[in-house]
Amino acid sequence: MNTKFYLLTILICLLPWTSNANENFFDEAKKLFNENNYEKSKFMFQRNIVFNPKDAKSYFYLAKIFQIEENNIELNKNLDTAILLDPNNEEIIYMLIDIELKKSNFSKVKELNKKFKLICSSLCPKISLIDERLNNFQEKNDS
């Protein structure tokens, strides 16, 4: 009986520590990302995902890293996962719009842009840039 109590006490004491470790993985990964240390930050974001597989922010930052590395397959995988986990994240939607504009996928851009306009809070000024880019592409296609 004492052994079970002892083990339970140890587990209870370790729970907050493991929770903080997860947060530290993300915080450390973001710090490394902001310092342009992409290889180490990639590892830390992936490590964070092991402990927190539904963390859309880690997938989003991995997508950013893979975009910098021009690894489109991994970029798309991580961005798709991020949008599935957080479908109303304006940063993720804006990144998707940018990618679809580069692919000239105007129907997808229009669909994403409608959603972006409904949910934007901090990136609202980007709406005019999106509309302008869409208009420029349409004018080129009409010519």
C-alpha atoms as a PDB file:
ATOM      1  CA  MET A   1       0.000   0.000   0.000  1.00  0.00           C
ATOM      2  CA  ASN A   2       2.803   2.428   0.824  1.00  0.00           C
ATOM      3  CA  THR A   3       4.501   1.704  -2.494  1.00  0.00           C
ATOM      4  CA  LYS A   4       1.353   2.606  -4.463  1.00  0.00           C
ATOM      5  CA  PHE A   5       0.950   5.797  -2.474  1.00  0.00           C
ATOM      6  CA  TYR A   6       4.595   6.671  -3.039  1.00  0.00           C
ATOM      7  CA  LEU A   7       4.344   6.109  -6.819  1.00  0.00           C
ATOM      8  CA  LEU A   8       1.117   8.098  -7.036  1.00  0.00           C
ATOM      9  CA  THR A   9       2.743  10.985  -5.152  1.00  0.00           C
ATOM     10  CA  ILE A  10       5.706  10.981  -7.556  1.00  0.00           C
ATOM     11  CA  LEU A  11       3.391  10.980 -10.595  1.00  0.00           C
ATOM     12  CA  ILE A  12       1.338  13.857  -9.208  1.00  0.00           C
ATOM     13  CA  CYS A  13       4.507  15.852  -8.585  1.00  0.00           C
ATOM     14  CA  LEU A  14       5.821  15.189 -12.098  1.00  0.00           C
ATOM     15  CA  LEU A  15       2.627  16.176 -13.967  1.00  0.00           C
ATOM     16  CA  PRO A  16       3.146  19.946 -13.736  1.00  0.00           C
ATOM     17  CA  TRP A  17       6.783  19.523 -14.729  1.00  0.00           C
ATOM     18  CA  THR A  18       5.912  17.596 -17.897  1.00  0.00           C
ATOM     19  CA  SER A  19       3.255  20.160 -18.786  1.00  0.00           C
ATOM     20  CA  ASN A  20       5.789  22.985 -18.467  1.00  0.00           C
ATOM     21  CA  ALA A  21       8.282  21.015 -20.525  1.00  0.00           C
ATOM     22  CA  ASN A  22       5.795  20.942 -23.400  1.00  0.00           C
ATOM     23  CA  GLU A  23       5.371  24.702 -23.236  1.00  0.00           C
ATOM     24  CA  ASN A  24       9.135  25.125 -23.081  1.00  0.00           C
ATOM     25  CA  PHE A  25       9.530  23.102 -26.283  1.00  0.00           C
ATOM     26  CA  PHE A  26       7.246  25.498 -28.161  1.00  0.00           C
ATOM     27  CA  ASP A  27       8.704  28.617 -26.556  1.00  0.00           C
ATOM     28  CA  GLU A  28      12.252  27.469 -27.223  1.00  0.00           C
ATOM     29  CA  ALA A  29      11.359  26.480 -30.799  1.00  0.00           C
ATOM     30  CA  LYS A  30       9.786  29.878 -31.460  1.00  0.00           C
ATOM     31  CA  LYS A  31      12.812  31.647 -29.984  1.00  0.00           C
ATOM     32  CA  LEU A  32      15.108  29.632 -32.264  1.00  0.00           C
ATOM     33  CA  PHE A  33      12.825  30.355 -35.235  1.00  0.00           C
ATOM     34  CA  ASN A  34      12.971  34.094 -34.526  1.00  0.00           C
ATOM     35  CA  GLU A  35      16.768  33.810 -34.432  1.00  0.00           C
ATOM     36  CA  ASN A  36      16.663  32.151 -37.904  1.00  0.00           C
ATOM     37  CA  ASN A  37      17.986  28.907 -36.458  1.00  0.00           C
ATOM     38  CA  TYR A  38      15.564  26.849 -38.516  1.00  0.00           C
ATOM     39  CA  GLU A  39      17.131  23.421 -38.153  1.00  0.00           C
ATOM     40  CA  LYS A  40      17.083  23.474 -34.347  1.00  0.00           C
ATOM     41  CA  SER A  41      13.664  25.132 -34.210  1.00  0.00           C
ATOM     42  CA  LYS A  42      12.288  22.490 -36.583  1.00  0.00           C
ATOM     43  CA  PHE A  43      13.483  19.782 -34.204  1.00  0.00           C
ATOM     44  CA  MET A  44      11.929  21.552 -31.208  1.00  0.00           C
ATOM     45  CA  PHE A  45       8.573  22.079 -32.968  1.00  0.00           C
ATOM     46  CA  GLN A  46       8.540  18.400 -33.920  1.00  0.00           C
ATOM     47  CA  ARG A  47       9.382  17.485 -30.350  1.00  0.00           C
ATOM     48  CA  ASN A  48       6.525  19.674 -29.131  1.00  0.00           C
ATOM     49  CA  ILE A  49       4.152  17.869 -31.498  1.00  0.00           C
ATOM     50  CA  VAL A  50       5.148  14.531 -29.958  1.00  0.00           C
ATOM     51  CA  PHE A  51       3.838  15.766 -26.602  1.00  0.00           C
ATOM     52  CA  ASN A  52       1.038  17.915 -28.005  1.00  0.00           C
ATOM     53  CA  PRO A  53      -0.114  16.479 -31.360  1.00  0.00           C
ATOM     54  CA  LYS A  54      -2.988  18.959 -31.680  1.00  0.00           C
ATOM     55  CA  ASP A  55      -0.846  22.080 -31.453  1.00  0.00           C
ATOM     56  CA  ALA A  56      -1.708  23.957 -34.640  1.00  0.00           C
ATOM     57  CA  LYS A  57       0.933  26.606 -33.930  1.00  0.00           C
ATOM     58  CA  SER A  58       3.770  24.069 -34.119  1.00  0.00           C
ATOM     59  CA  TYR A  59       2.509  22.742 -37.452  1.00  0.00           C
ATOM     60  CA  PHE A  60       2.169  26.313 -38.716  1.00  0.00           C
ATOM     61  CA  TYR A  61       5.738  27.201 -37.767  1.00  0.00           C
ATOM     62  CA  LEU A  62       6.967  23.984 -39.355  1.00  0.00           C
ATOM     63  CA  ALA A  63       5.133  25.035 -42.518  1.00  0.00           C
ATOM     64  CA  LYS A  64       6.935  28.379 -42.385  1.00  0.00           C
ATOM     65  CA  ILE A  65      10.280  26.620 -42.038  1.00  0.00           C
ATOM     66  CA  PHE A  66       9.535  24.280 -44.935  1.00  0.00           C
ATOM     67  CA  GLN A  67       8.484  27.273 -47.036  1.00  0.00           C
ATOM     68  CA  ILE A  68      11.861  28.876 -46.349  1.00  0.00           C
ATOM     69  CA  GLU A  69      13.563  25.583 -47.208  1.00  0.00           C
ATOM     70  CA  GLU A  70      11.406  25.343 -50.354  1.00  0.00           C
ATOM     71  CA  ASN A  71      10.182  21.888 -49.330  1.00  0.00           C
ATOM     72  CA  ASN A  72       6.666  22.126 -50.771  1.00  0.00           C
ATOM     73  CA  ILE A  73       5.606  18.608 -49.827  1.00  0.00           C
ATOM     74  CA  GLU A  74       6.314  19.136 -46.118  1.00  0.00           C
ATOM     75  CA  LEU A  75       5.016  22.705 -46.325  1.00  0.00           C
ATOM     76  CA  ASN A  76       1.647  21.485 -47.603  1.00  0.00           C
ATOM     77  CA  LYS A  77       1.434  18.608 -45.105  1.00  0.00           C
ATOM     78  CA  ASN A  78       2.047  20.879 -42.133  1.00  0.00           C
ATOM     79  CA  LEU A  79      -0.155  23.676 -43.399  1.00  0.00           C
ATOM     80  CA  ASP A  80      -3.012  21.245 -44.079  1.00  0.00           C
ATOM     81  CA  THR A  81      -2.674  19.862 -40.552  1.00  0.00           C
ATOM     82  CA  ALA A  82      -2.543  23.355 -39.052  1.00  0.00           C
ATOM     83  CA  ILE A  83      -5.731  24.479 -40.848  1.00  0.00           C
ATOM     84  CA  LEU A  84      -7.521  21.274 -39.821  1.00  0.00           C
ATOM     85  CA  LEU A  85      -6.642  21.884 -36.183  1.00  0.00           C
ATOM     86  CA  ASP A  86      -7.337  25.625 -36.251  1.00  0.00           C
ATOM     87  CA  PRO A  87      -9.651  26.428 -39.190  1.00  0.00           C
ATOM     88  CA  ASN A  88     -10.179  30.057 -38.162  1.00  0.00           C
ATOM     89  CA  ASN A  89      -6.558  31.062 -37.748  1.00  0.00           C
ATOM     90  CA  GLU A  90      -6.065  34.120 -39.927  1.00  0.00           C
ATOM     91  CA  GLU A  91      -2.288  33.667 -40.253  1.00  0.00           C
ATOM     92  CA  ILE A  92      -2.738  30.141 -41.575  1.00  0.00           C
ATOM     93  CA  ILE A  93      -5.467  31.254 -43.983  1.00  0.00           C
ATOM     94  CA  TYR A  94      -3.340  34.154 -45.203  1.00  0.00           C
ATOM     95  CA  MET A  95      -0.421  31.804 -45.871  1.00  0.00           C
ATOM     96  CA  LEU A  96      -2.758  29.462 -47.771  1.00  0.00           C
ATOM     97  CA  ILE A  97      -4.039  32.413 -49.835  1.00  0.00           C
ATOM     98  CA  ASP A  98      -0.493  33.432 -50.692  1.00  0.00           C
ATOM     99  CA  ILE A  99       0.391  29.893 -51.792  1.00  0.00           C
ATOM    100  CA  GLU A 100      -2.781  29.514 -53.872  1.00  0.00           C
ATOM    101  CA  LEU A 101      -2.164  32.898 -55.533  1.00  0.00           C
ATOM    102  CA  LYS A 102       1.289  31.693 -56.568  1.00  0.00           C
ATOM    103  CA  LYS A 103      -0.359  28.591 -58.050  1.00  0.00           C
ATOM    104  CA  SER A 104      -2.923  30.813 -59.841  1.00  0.00           C
ATOM    105  CA  ASN A 105      -5.724  28.902 -58.129  1.00  0.00           C
ATOM    106  CA  PHE A 106      -8.131  31.843 -58.133  1.00  0.00           C
ATOM    107  CA  SER A 107     -11.263  29.939 -57.139  1.00  0.00           C
ATOM    108  CA  LYS A 108      -9.522  28.671 -53.994  1.00  0.00           C
ATOM    109  CA  VAL A 109      -8.165  32.167 -53.274  1.00  0.00           C
ATOM    110  CA  LYS A 110     -11.646  33.679 -53.541  1.00  0.00           C
ATOM    111  CA  GLU A 111     -13.046  31.024 -51.206  1.00  0.00           C
ATOM    112  CA  LEU A 112     -10.260  31.538 -48.654  1.00  0.00           C
ATOM    113  CA  ASN A 113     -10.489  35.316 -49.007  1.00  0.00           C
ATOM    114  CA  LYS A 114     -14.185  35.285 -48.079  1.00  0.00           C
ATOM    115  CA  LYS A 115     -13.383  33.364 -44.922  1.00  0.00           C
ATOM    116  CA  PHE A 116     -10.390  35.594 -44.209  1.00  0.00           C
ATOM    117  CA  LYS A 117     -12.582  38.714 -44.421  1.00  0.00           C
ATOM    118  CA  LEU A 118     -15.005  37.231 -41.891  1.00  0.00           C
ATOM    119  CA  ILE A 119     -12.419  36.282 -39.286  1.00  0.00           C
ATOM    120  CA  CYS A 120      -9.567  38.762 -39.666  1.00  0.00           C
ATOM    121  CA  SER A 121      -8.615  40.768 -36.628  1.00  0.00           C
ATOM    122  CA  SER A 122      -4.918  41.662 -36.761  1.00  0.00           C
ATOM    123  CA  LEU A 123      -4.219  40.987 -40.439  1.00  0.00           C
ATOM    124  CA  CYS A 124      -7.192  42.899 -41.885  1.00  0.00           C
ATOM    125  CA  PRO A 125      -4.951  45.342 -43.783  1.00  0.00           C
ATOM    126  CA  LYS A 126      -3.805  42.355 -45.865  1.00  0.00           C
ATOM    127  CA  ILE A 127      -7.295  42.123 -47.433  1.00  0.00           C
ATOM    128  CA  SER A 128      -6.587  44.988 -49.798  1.00  0.00           C
ATOM    129  CA  LEU A 129      -3.280  43.363 -50.821  1.00  0.00           C
ATOM    130  CA  ILE A 130      -5.057  40.088 -51.563  1.00  0.00           C
ATOM    131  CA  ASP A 131      -7.763  41.867 -53.571  1.00  0.00           C
ATOM    132  CA  GLU A 132      -5.131  43.834 -55.470  1.00  0.00           C
ATOM    133  CA  ARG A 133      -3.147  40.689 -56.327  1.00  0.00           C
ATOM    134  CA  LEU A 134      -6.338  38.934 -57.435  1.00  0.00           C
ATOM    135  CA  ASN A 135      -7.280  41.880 -59.651  1.00  0.00           C
ATOM    136  CA  ASN A 136      -3.798  42.012 -61.178  1.00  0.00           C
ATOM    137  CA  PHE A 137      -3.949  38.316 -62.060  1.00  0.00           C
ATOM    138  CA  GLN A 138      -7.417  38.680 -63.536  1.00  0.00           C
ATOM    139  CA  GLU A 139      -6.360  41.696 -65.616  1.00  0.00           C
ATOM    140  CA  LYS A 140      -3.380  39.738 -66.988  1.00  0.00           C
ATOM    141  CA  ASN A 141      -5.643  36.831 -67.881  1.00  0.00           C
ATOM    142  CA  ASP A 142      -8.176  39.138 -69.567  1.00  0.00           C
ATOM    143  CA  SER A 143      -5.455  40.717 -71.720  1.00  0.00           C
END
